[in-house]
């Protein structure tokens, strides 16, 4: 599934909301590489996608497109 938002847009939203990828890493107990791969669209993980969407206060479907 291709994300509805581009990776650079997601990273810009994280910066705008003063949220860091490392916070998501720590909250979920995953690697920074996993979070980066999800943002880049190379690895689908609903759990990580939901955490990112919550962190930037954007609805899941708006950020990632239709759920599979």
C-alpha atoms as a PDB file:
ATOM      1  CA  UNK A   1       0.000   0.000   0.000  1.00  0.00           C
ATOM      2  CA  UNK A   2       1.443   3.345  -1.040  1.00  0.00           C
ATOM      3  CA  UNK A   3       1.140   6.091   1.561  1.00  0.00           C
ATOM      4  CA  UNK A   4      -1.171   9.009   0.858  1.00  0.00           C
ATOM      5  CA  UNK A   5       1.523  11.387   2.135  1.00  0.00           C
ATOM      6  CA  UNK A   6       5.098  11.510   0.912  1.00  0.00           C
ATOM      7  CA  UNK A   7       7.912  10.643   3.331  1.00  0.00           C
ATOM      8  CA  UNK A   8       9.222  14.209   3.315  1.00  0.00           C
ATOM      9  CA  UNK A   9       5.727  15.470   4.235  1.00  0.00           C
ATOM     10  CA  UNK A  10       5.537  13.035   7.157  1.00  0.00           C
ATOM     11  CA  UNK A  11       8.967  14.080   8.410  1.00  0.00           C
ATOM     12  CA  UNK A  12       7.980  17.752   8.064  1.00  0.00           C
ATOM     13  CA  UNK A  13       4.848  17.116  10.153  1.00  0.00           C
ATOM     14  CA  UNK A  14       6.937  15.389  12.805  1.00  0.00           C
ATOM     15  CA  UNK A  15       9.253  18.415  12.947  1.00  0.00           C
ATOM     16  CA  UNK A  16       6.340  20.875  12.980  1.00  0.00           C
ATOM     17  CA  UNK A  17       4.801  19.025  15.931  1.00  0.00           C
ATOM     18  CA  UNK A  18       8.184  18.853  17.679  1.00  0.00           C
ATOM     19  CA  UNK A  19       7.937  15.061  17.634  1.00  0.00           C
ATOM     20  CA  UNK A  20      11.007  12.949  17.077  1.00  0.00           C
ATOM     21  CA  UNK A  21      11.255   9.499  15.544  1.00  0.00           C
ATOM     22  CA  UNK A  22      13.192   8.389  18.629  1.00  0.00           C
ATOM     23  CA  UNK A  23      10.084   9.035  20.756  1.00  0.00           C
ATOM     24  CA  UNK A  24       8.107   6.595  18.607  1.00  0.00           C
ATOM     25  CA  UNK A  25      10.985   4.111  18.811  1.00  0.00           C
ATOM     26  CA  UNK A  26      11.002   4.276  22.605  1.00  0.00           C
ATOM     27  CA  UNK A  27       7.215   4.234  22.961  1.00  0.00           C
ATOM     28  CA  UNK A  28       6.817   1.146  20.791  1.00  0.00           C
ATOM     29  CA  UNK A  29      10.073  -0.656  21.534  1.00  0.00           C
ATOM     30  CA  UNK A  30      11.026  -0.914  17.866  1.00  0.00           C
ATOM     31  CA  UNK A  31      14.176   0.054  15.989  1.00  0.00           C
ATOM     32  CA  UNK A  32      14.749   3.436  14.389  1.00  0.00           C
ATOM     33  CA  UNK A  33      15.216   1.607  11.101  1.00  0.00           C
ATOM     34  CA  UNK A  34      11.713   0.142  11.375  1.00  0.00           C
ATOM     35  CA  UNK A  35      10.193   3.595  11.887  1.00  0.00           C
ATOM     36  CA  UNK A  36      12.187   5.012   8.961  1.00  0.00           C
ATOM     37  CA  UNK A  37      11.138   2.135   6.682  1.00  0.00           C
ATOM     38  CA  UNK A  38       7.485   2.704   7.564  1.00  0.00           C
ATOM     39  CA  UNK A  39       7.794   6.435   6.844  1.00  0.00           C
ATOM     40  CA  UNK A  40       9.543   5.683   3.541  1.00  0.00           C
ATOM     41  CA  UNK A  41       6.788   3.213   2.603  1.00  0.00           C
ATOM     42  CA  UNK A  42       9.084   0.177   2.452  1.00  0.00           C
ATOM     43  CA  UNK A  43       7.583  -1.692   5.418  1.00  0.00           C
ATOM     44  CA  UNK A  44       3.891  -1.668   6.314  1.00  0.00           C
ATOM     45  CA  UNK A  45       3.236  -1.786  10.046  1.00  0.00           C
ATOM     46  CA  UNK A  46      -0.191  -0.689  11.205  1.00  0.00           C
ATOM     47  CA  UNK A  47       1.072  -0.280  14.780  1.00  0.00           C
ATOM     48  CA  UNK A  48       3.912   2.063  13.778  1.00  0.00           C
ATOM     49  CA  UNK A  49       1.735   3.907  11.261  1.00  0.00           C
ATOM     50  CA  UNK A  50      -0.923   4.533  13.924  1.00  0.00           C
ATOM     51  CA  UNK A  51       1.716   5.802  16.374  1.00  0.00           C
ATOM     52  CA  UNK A  52       3.100   8.238  13.790  1.00  0.00           C
ATOM     53  CA  UNK A  53      -0.378   9.501  12.861  1.00  0.00           C
ATOM     54  CA  UNK A  54      -1.241   9.988  16.542  1.00  0.00           C
ATOM     55  CA  UNK A  55       2.037  11.826  17.175  1.00  0.00           C
ATOM     56  CA  UNK A  56       1.356  14.366  14.401  1.00  0.00           C
ATOM     57  CA  UNK A  57      -2.408  14.520  15.074  1.00  0.00           C
ATOM     58  CA  UNK A  58      -3.444  13.510  11.556  1.00  0.00           C
ATOM     59  CA  UNK A  59      -6.146  10.915  10.828  1.00  0.00           C
ATOM     60  CA  UNK A  60      -4.690   7.538   9.841  1.00  0.00           C
ATOM     61  CA  UNK A  61      -6.475   7.429   6.455  1.00  0.00           C
ATOM     62  CA  UNK A  62      -5.293  10.928   5.539  1.00  0.00           C
ATOM     63  CA  UNK A  63      -1.693  10.022   6.275  1.00  0.00           C
ATOM     64  CA  UNK A  64      -1.508   6.449   4.984  1.00  0.00           C
ATOM     65  CA  UNK A  65      -4.498   6.051   2.660  1.00  0.00           C
ATOM     66  CA  UNK A  66      -7.156   3.389   2.914  1.00  0.00           C
ATOM     67  CA  UNK A  67      -6.490   0.634   5.416  1.00  0.00           C
ATOM     68  CA  UNK A  68      -5.744  -2.745   3.885  1.00  0.00           C
END
